[in-house]
């Protein structure tokens, strides 16, 4: 197990946008927001509903914005080192979405692992219905998000077999470091507020 000094340090960057930032935004004339009438709604890569009001995916792009707008998202949890590209930045500003950016790499043996404090922080958000609807995504919606969802399923009392079956459904192959992280994560220490827990917990 890597020491704290060996782990990649991670910082949570929180940006809270309000709709009044774009009070007269015209979707029909915006080159980023405009969607031709009759075009099908396209979800992001590896999109799925985790539970009522909670969704997962890979990194959205312009083709996914009309679909995401239908979800009426309040919050996005983003796990990656990279900043948002301009189009995604524009989308969250126009829609007034709170973005929590966890600057973290995936688990990579032997020296880099996801910061458990980041996972715990994200789970507190996921388990607060005031943040819903919420989307959690990384770049491909596989390993980093698989770790977060695996830890969430532990809080929901899923069996480890079911947790890893779901992990493989999105990741394709099981990463040993991710499996060890999920198995050893102490979900009892996640300080969520029971007063605001969702109905499915």
C-alpha atoms as a PDB file:
ATOM      1  CA  UNK A   1       0.000   0.000   0.000  1.00  0.00           C
ATOM      2  CA  UNK A   2       1.525   3.382  -0.985  1.00  0.00           C
ATOM      3  CA  UNK A   3       2.240   5.916   1.714  1.00  0.00           C
ATOM      4  CA  UNK A   4       0.459   9.242   1.852  1.00  0.00           C
ATOM      5  CA  UNK A   5       3.578  10.908   0.456  1.00  0.00           C
ATOM      6  CA  UNK A   6       3.587   8.544  -2.526  1.00  0.00           C
ATOM      7  CA  UNK A   7      -0.051   9.144  -3.412  1.00  0.00           C
ATOM      8  CA  UNK A   8      -0.973  11.702  -6.025  1.00  0.00           C
ATOM      9  CA  UNK A   9      -2.289  14.712  -4.149  1.00  0.00           C
ATOM     10  CA  UNK A  10      -5.767  15.774  -5.140  1.00  0.00           C
ATOM     11  CA  UNK A  11      -7.734  18.953  -4.677  1.00  0.00           C
ATOM     12  CA  UNK A  12     -11.495  19.395  -4.883  1.00  0.00           C
ATOM     13  CA  UNK A  13     -12.385  22.527  -6.840  1.00  0.00           C
ATOM     14  CA  UNK A  14     -15.995  23.641  -6.301  1.00  0.00           C
ATOM     15  CA  UNK A  15     -17.666  26.020  -8.764  1.00  0.00           C
ATOM     16  CA  UNK A  16     -21.261  27.031  -8.180  1.00  0.00           C
ATOM     17  CA  UNK A  17     -22.979  28.675 -11.162  1.00  0.00           C
ATOM     18  CA  UNK A  18     -26.319  30.456 -11.069  1.00  0.00           C
ATOM     19  CA  UNK A  19     -28.849  30.833 -13.849  1.00  0.00           C
ATOM     20  CA  UNK A  20     -28.768  34.622 -13.473  1.00  0.00           C
ATOM     21  CA  UNK A  21     -25.267  34.529 -15.017  1.00  0.00           C
ATOM     22  CA  UNK A  22     -27.061  34.087 -18.372  1.00  0.00           C
ATOM     23  CA  UNK A  23     -30.541  35.571 -17.798  1.00  0.00           C
ATOM     24  CA  UNK A  24     -31.314  36.093 -21.487  1.00  0.00           C
ATOM     25  CA  UNK A  25     -29.422  33.195 -23.026  1.00  0.00           C
ATOM     26  CA  UNK A  26     -30.807  32.315 -26.452  1.00  0.00           C
ATOM     27  CA  UNK A  27     -30.388  28.619 -27.143  1.00  0.00           C
ATOM     28  CA  UNK A  28     -31.469  28.990 -30.778  1.00  0.00           C
ATOM     29  CA  UNK A  29     -28.624  31.361 -31.657  1.00  0.00           C
ATOM     30  CA  UNK A  30     -25.912  29.772 -29.487  1.00  0.00           C
ATOM     31  CA  UNK A  31     -23.485  27.664 -31.535  1.00  0.00           C
ATOM     32  CA  UNK A  32     -22.833  25.425 -28.531  1.00  0.00           C
ATOM     33  CA  UNK A  33     -26.360  25.011 -27.156  1.00  0.00           C
ATOM     34  CA  UNK A  34     -28.377  24.876 -30.383  1.00  0.00           C
ATOM     35  CA  UNK A  35     -29.908  21.521 -31.309  1.00  0.00           C
ATOM     36  CA  UNK A  36     -31.661  21.053 -34.641  1.00  0.00           C
ATOM     37  CA  UNK A  37     -35.353  20.170 -34.292  1.00  0.00           C
ATOM     38  CA  UNK A  38     -36.005  16.469 -34.601  1.00  0.00           C
ATOM     39  CA  UNK A  39     -32.472  15.432 -33.712  1.00  0.00           C
ATOM     40  CA  UNK A  40     -32.345  12.400 -31.379  1.00  0.00           C
ATOM     41  CA  UNK A  41     -31.126  12.872 -27.828  1.00  0.00           C
ATOM     42  CA  UNK A  42     -27.683  11.317 -27.366  1.00  0.00           C
ATOM     43  CA  UNK A  43     -26.523  10.285 -23.874  1.00  0.00           C
ATOM     44  CA  UNK A  44     -22.829  10.476 -22.927  1.00  0.00           C
ATOM     45  CA  UNK A  45     -20.524   7.462 -23.150  1.00  0.00           C
ATOM     46  CA  UNK A  46     -21.312   4.763 -20.536  1.00  0.00           C
ATOM     47  CA  UNK A  47     -24.358   6.665 -19.297  1.00  0.00           C
ATOM     48  CA  UNK A  48     -26.581   4.944 -16.742  1.00  0.00           C
ATOM     49  CA  UNK A  49     -28.851   5.731 -13.832  1.00  0.00           C
ATOM     50  CA  UNK A  50     -27.310   4.568 -10.547  1.00  0.00           C
ATOM     51  CA  UNK A  51     -30.382   5.330  -8.457  1.00  0.00           C
ATOM     52  CA  UNK A  52     -33.239   7.798  -8.587  1.00  0.00           C
ATOM     53  CA  UNK A  53     -31.702  11.225  -9.224  1.00  0.00           C
ATOM     54  CA  UNK A  54     -28.129   9.910  -9.586  1.00  0.00           C
ATOM     55  CA  UNK A  55     -26.415   9.256 -12.933  1.00  0.00           C
ATOM     56  CA  UNK A  56     -22.978   8.152 -14.158  1.00  0.00           C
ATOM     57  CA  UNK A  57     -21.165   8.566 -17.480  1.00  0.00           C
ATOM     58  CA  UNK A  58     -17.992   9.293 -19.345  1.00  0.00           C
ATOM     59  CA  UNK A  59     -17.058  12.871 -20.244  1.00  0.00           C
ATOM     60  CA  UNK A  60     -19.989  14.600 -22.004  1.00  0.00           C
ATOM     61  CA  UNK A  61     -19.491  16.502 -25.242  1.00  0.00           C
ATOM     62  CA  UNK A  62     -21.553  18.964 -27.281  1.00  0.00           C
ATOM     63  CA  UNK A  63     -23.681  16.188 -28.808  1.00  0.00           C
ATOM     64  CA  UNK A  64     -24.862  15.222 -25.303  1.00  0.00           C
ATOM     65  CA  UNK A  65     -25.936  18.646 -24.049  1.00  0.00           C
ATOM     66  CA  UNK A  66     -29.576  18.435 -25.165  1.00  0.00           C
ATOM     67  CA  UNK A  67     -29.881  15.058 -23.426  1.00  0.00           C
ATOM     68  CA  UNK A  68     -28.282  16.338 -20.210  1.00  0.00           C
ATOM     69  CA  UNK A  69     -30.524  19.391 -20.224  1.00  0.00           C
ATOM     70  CA  UNK A  70     -33.526  17.057 -19.913  1.00  0.00           C
ATOM     71  CA  UNK A  71     -32.098  15.723 -16.632  1.00  0.00           C
ATOM     72  CA  UNK A  72     -32.257  19.208 -15.037  1.00  0.00           C
ATOM     73  CA  UNK A  73     -28.967  18.588 -13.234  1.00  0.00           C
ATOM     74  CA  UNK A  74     -28.175  20.506 -10.053  1.00  0.00           C
ATOM     75  CA  UNK A  75     -24.735  19.017  -9.456  1.00  0.00           C
ATOM     76  CA  UNK A  76     -21.870  17.403 -11.405  1.00  0.00           C
ATOM     77  CA  UNK A  77     -19.014  15.499  -9.756  1.00  0.00           C
ATOM     78  CA  UNK A  78     -16.055  15.336 -12.154  1.00  0.00           C
ATOM     79  CA  UNK A  79     -13.080  13.008 -11.512  1.00  0.00           C
ATOM     80  CA  UNK A  80     -10.087  13.815 -13.736  1.00  0.00           C
ATOM     81  CA  UNK A  81      -6.880  15.835 -13.798  1.00  0.00           C
ATOM     82  CA  UNK A  82      -7.974  17.863 -16.829  1.00  0.00           C
ATOM     83  CA  UNK A  83     -10.000  21.078 -16.699  1.00  0.00           C
ATOM     84  CA  UNK A  84     -13.277  21.269 -18.580  1.00  0.00           C
ATOM     85  CA  UNK A  85     -12.969  22.238 -22.258  1.00  0.00           C
ATOM     86  CA  UNK A  86     -14.648  25.545 -23.231  1.00  0.00           C
ATOM     87  CA  UNK A  87     -17.866  23.933 -24.527  1.00  0.00           C
ATOM     88  CA  UNK A  88     -18.482  21.998 -21.306  1.00  0.00           C
ATOM     89  CA  UNK A  89     -17.598  25.047 -19.233  1.00  0.00           C
ATOM     90  CA  UNK A  90     -20.172  27.047 -21.196  1.00  0.00           C
ATOM     91  CA  UNK A  91     -22.824  24.349 -20.657  1.00  0.00           C
ATOM     92  CA  UNK A  92     -22.509  24.243 -16.864  1.00  0.00           C
ATOM     93  CA  UNK A  93     -22.487  28.041 -16.644  1.00  0.00           C
ATOM     94  CA  UNK A  94     -25.624  28.430 -18.758  1.00  0.00           C
ATOM     95  CA  UNK A  95     -27.444  25.658 -16.881  1.00  0.00           C
ATOM     96  CA  UNK A  96     -26.429  26.966 -13.451  1.00  0.00           C
ATOM     97  CA  UNK A  97     -24.888  23.663 -12.310  1.00  0.00           C
ATOM     98  CA  UNK A  98     -22.657  23.251  -9.269  1.00  0.00           C
ATOM     99  CA  UNK A  99     -19.462  21.475 -10.360  1.00  0.00           C
ATOM    100  CA  UNK A 100     -17.150  19.642  -7.966  1.00  0.00           C
ATOM    101  CA  UNK A 101     -13.893  18.852  -9.763  1.00  0.00           C
ATOM    102  CA  UNK A 102     -11.833  16.151  -8.072  1.00  0.00           C
ATOM    103  CA  UNK A 103      -8.347  16.404  -9.558  1.00  0.00           C
ATOM    104  CA  UNK A 104      -7.394  12.771  -9.274  1.00  0.00           C
ATOM    105  CA  UNK A 105      -5.900  10.017 -11.367  1.00  0.00           C
ATOM    106  CA  UNK A 106      -7.147   6.464 -11.357  1.00  0.00           C
ATOM    107  CA  UNK A 107      -5.601   3.690  -9.265  1.00  0.00           C
ATOM    108  CA  UNK A 108      -2.234   2.785 -10.755  1.00  0.00           C
ATOM    109  CA  UNK A 109      -0.046   0.279  -9.000  1.00  0.00           C
ATOM    110  CA  UNK A 110       2.195   0.583  -7.135  1.00  0.00           C
ATOM    111  CA  UNK A 111       2.378   4.288  -6.263  1.00  0.00           C
ATOM    112  CA  UNK A 112      -0.836   6.097  -7.222  1.00  0.00           C
ATOM    113  CA  UNK A 113      -4.266   5.483  -5.803  1.00  0.00           C
ATOM    114  CA  UNK A 114      -7.498   7.433  -5.610  1.00  0.00           C
ATOM    115  CA  UNK A 115      -7.631   9.603  -2.510  1.00  0.00           C
ATOM    116  CA  UNK A 116     -10.160   8.046  -0.068  1.00  0.00           C
ATOM    117  CA  UNK A 117     -11.005  11.526   1.211  1.00  0.00           C
ATOM    118  CA  UNK A 118     -12.133  12.510  -2.295  1.00  0.00           C
ATOM    119  CA  UNK A 119     -14.348   9.427  -2.495  1.00  0.00           C
ATOM    120  CA  UNK A 120     -15.831  10.150   0.932  1.00  0.00           C
ATOM    121  CA  UNK A 121     -16.460  13.791  -0.001  1.00  0.00           C
ATOM    122  CA  UNK A 122     -18.184  12.755  -3.229  1.00  0.00           C
ATOM    123  CA  UNK A 123     -20.322  10.179  -1.438  1.00  0.00           C
ATOM    124  CA  UNK A 124     -21.554  12.826   0.999  1.00  0.00           C
ATOM    125  CA  UNK A 125     -22.809  14.782  -2.028  1.00  0.00           C
ATOM    126  CA  UNK A 126     -24.361  11.712  -3.651  1.00  0.00           C
ATOM    127  CA  UNK A 127     -26.170  10.863  -0.419  1.00  0.00           C
ATOM    128  CA  UNK A 128     -27.651  14.354  -0.030  1.00  0.00           C
ATOM    129  CA  UNK A 129     -30.925  14.625  -1.941  1.00  0.00           C
ATOM    130  CA  UNK A 130     -30.529  18.411  -2.015  1.00  0.00           C
ATOM    131  CA  UNK A 131     -27.772  17.861  -4.611  1.00  0.00           C
ATOM    132  CA  UNK A 132     -30.001  15.802  -6.900  1.00  0.00           C
ATOM    133  CA  UNK A 133     -30.270  15.348  -9.814  1.00  0.00           C
ATOM    134  CA  UNK A 134     -26.527  14.712  -9.911  1.00  0.00           C
ATOM    135  CA  UNK A 135     -24.175  13.379 -12.597  1.00  0.00           C
ATOM    136  CA  UNK A 136     -20.852  11.779 -11.690  1.00  0.00           C
ATOM    137  CA  UNK A 137     -18.338  11.308 -14.479  1.00  0.00           C
ATOM    138  CA  UNK A 138     -14.670  10.873 -15.335  1.00  0.00           C
ATOM    139  CA  UNK A 139     -13.199  10.668 -18.844  1.00  0.00           C
ATOM    140  CA  UNK A 140     -14.556   7.283 -19.924  1.00  0.00           C
ATOM    141  CA  UNK A 141     -16.940   6.442 -17.089  1.00  0.00           C
ATOM    142  CA  UNK A 142     -15.052   3.278 -16.204  1.00  0.00           C
ATOM    143  CA  UNK A 143     -12.456   2.974 -13.442  1.00  0.00           C
ATOM    144  CA  UNK A 144     -12.553   6.129 -11.329  1.00  0.00           C
ATOM    145  CA  UNK A 145     -16.336   6.244 -11.392  1.00  0.00           C
ATOM    146  CA  UNK A 146     -16.405   2.489 -10.850  1.00  0.00           C
ATOM    147  CA  UNK A 147     -14.544   3.020  -7.566  1.00  0.00           C
ATOM    148  CA  UNK A 148     -16.971   5.697  -6.399  1.00  0.00           C
ATOM    149  CA  UNK A 149     -20.023   3.625  -7.289  1.00  0.00           C
ATOM    150  CA  UNK A 150     -18.502   0.512  -5.740  1.00  0.00           C
ATOM    151  CA  UNK A 151     -18.085   2.368  -2.450  1.00  0.00           C
ATOM    152  CA  UNK A 152     -21.634   3.702  -2.721  1.00  0.00           C
ATOM    153  CA  UNK A 153     -22.928   0.151  -3.177  1.00  0.00           C
ATOM    154  CA  UNK A 154     -21.158  -0.862   0.042  1.00  0.00           C
ATOM    155  CA  UNK A 155     -23.177   1.785   1.860  1.00  0.00           C
ATOM    156  CA  UNK A 156     -26.268   0.268   0.216  1.00  0.00           C
ATOM    157  CA  UNK A 157     -25.218  -3.151   1.608  1.00  0.00           C
ATOM    158  CA  UNK A 158     -24.628  -4.795  -1.789  1.00  0.00           C
ATOM    159  CA  UNK A 159     -22.588  -7.989  -1.801  1.00  0.00           C
ATOM    160  CA  UNK A 160     -19.021  -7.730  -3.104  1.00  0.00           C
ATOM    161  CA  UNK A 161     -19.944 -10.116  -5.926  1.00  0.00           C
ATOM    162  CA  UNK A 162     -22.712  -7.781  -7.109  1.00  0.00           C
ATOM    163  CA  UNK A 163     -20.456  -4.742  -6.734  1.00  0.00           C
ATOM    164  CA  UNK A 164     -17.743  -6.226  -8.950  1.00  0.00           C
ATOM    165  CA  UNK A 165     -20.267  -7.509 -11.481  1.00  0.00           C
ATOM    166  CA  UNK A 166     -21.487  -3.931 -11.908  1.00  0.00           C
ATOM    167  CA  UNK A 167     -17.891  -2.630 -12.028  1.00  0.00           C
ATOM    168  CA  UNK A 168     -17.000  -5.023 -14.875  1.00  0.00           C
ATOM    169  CA  UNK A 169     -20.161  -4.114 -16.790  1.00  0.00           C
ATOM    170  CA  UNK A 170     -18.716  -0.644 -17.367  1.00  0.00           C
ATOM    171  CA  UNK A 171     -14.962  -1.172 -17.052  1.00  0.00           C
ATOM    172  CA  UNK A 172     -14.780  -4.364 -19.112  1.00  0.00           C
ATOM    173  CA  UNK A 173     -11.930  -5.791 -17.092  1.00  0.00           C
ATOM    174  CA  UNK A 174     -11.323  -5.761 -13.368  1.00  0.00           C
ATOM    175  CA  UNK A 175      -8.396  -3.624 -12.205  1.00  0.00           C
ATOM    176  CA  UNK A 176      -6.867  -5.264  -9.141  1.00  0.00           C
ATOM    177  CA  UNK A 177      -6.011  -1.916  -7.545  1.00  0.00           C
ATOM    178  CA  UNK A 178      -9.637  -0.770  -7.920  1.00  0.00           C
ATOM    179  CA  UNK A 179     -10.914  -3.995  -6.388  1.00  0.00           C
ATOM    180  CA  UNK A 180      -8.579  -3.621  -3.405  1.00  0.00           C
ATOM    181  CA  UNK A 181      -9.592   0.010  -2.971  1.00  0.00           C
ATOM    182  CA  UNK A 182     -13.303  -0.837  -2.893  1.00  0.00           C
ATOM    183  CA  UNK A 183     -12.776  -3.809  -0.561  1.00  0.00           C
ATOM    184  CA  UNK A 184     -10.752  -1.806   1.973  1.00  0.00           C
ATOM    185  CA  UNK A 185     -12.754   1.454   1.808  1.00  0.00           C
ATOM    186  CA  UNK A 186     -14.361   2.090   5.205  1.00  0.00           C
ATOM    187  CA  UNK A 187     -17.844   3.193   4.184  1.00  0.00           C
ATOM    188  CA  UNK A 188     -18.925   3.511   7.814  1.00  0.00           C
ATOM    189  CA  UNK A 189     -16.777   6.640   8.105  1.00  0.00           C
ATOM    190  CA  UNK A 190     -18.574   8.571   5.329  1.00  0.00           C
ATOM    191  CA  UNK A 191     -20.076  11.555   7.215  1.00  0.00           C
ATOM    192  CA  UNK A 192     -23.316  12.003   5.278  1.00  0.00           C
ATOM    193  CA  UNK A 193     -26.327  13.647   6.942  1.00  0.00           C
ATOM    194  CA  UNK A 194     -29.132  11.105   7.523  1.00  0.00           C
ATOM    195  CA  UNK A 195     -31.648  13.964   7.540  1.00  0.00           C
ATOM    196  CA  UNK A 196     -31.122  14.494   3.800  1.00  0.00           C
ATOM    197  CA  UNK A 197     -30.446  10.927   2.678  1.00  0.00           C
ATOM    198  CA  UNK A 198     -32.322   9.835  -0.454  1.00  0.00           C
ATOM    199  CA  UNK A 199     -35.295   7.497  -0.281  1.00  0.00           C
ATOM    200  CA  UNK A 200     -33.360   4.635  -1.895  1.00  0.00           C
ATOM    201  CA  UNK A 201     -30.847   4.403   0.962  1.00  0.00           C
END
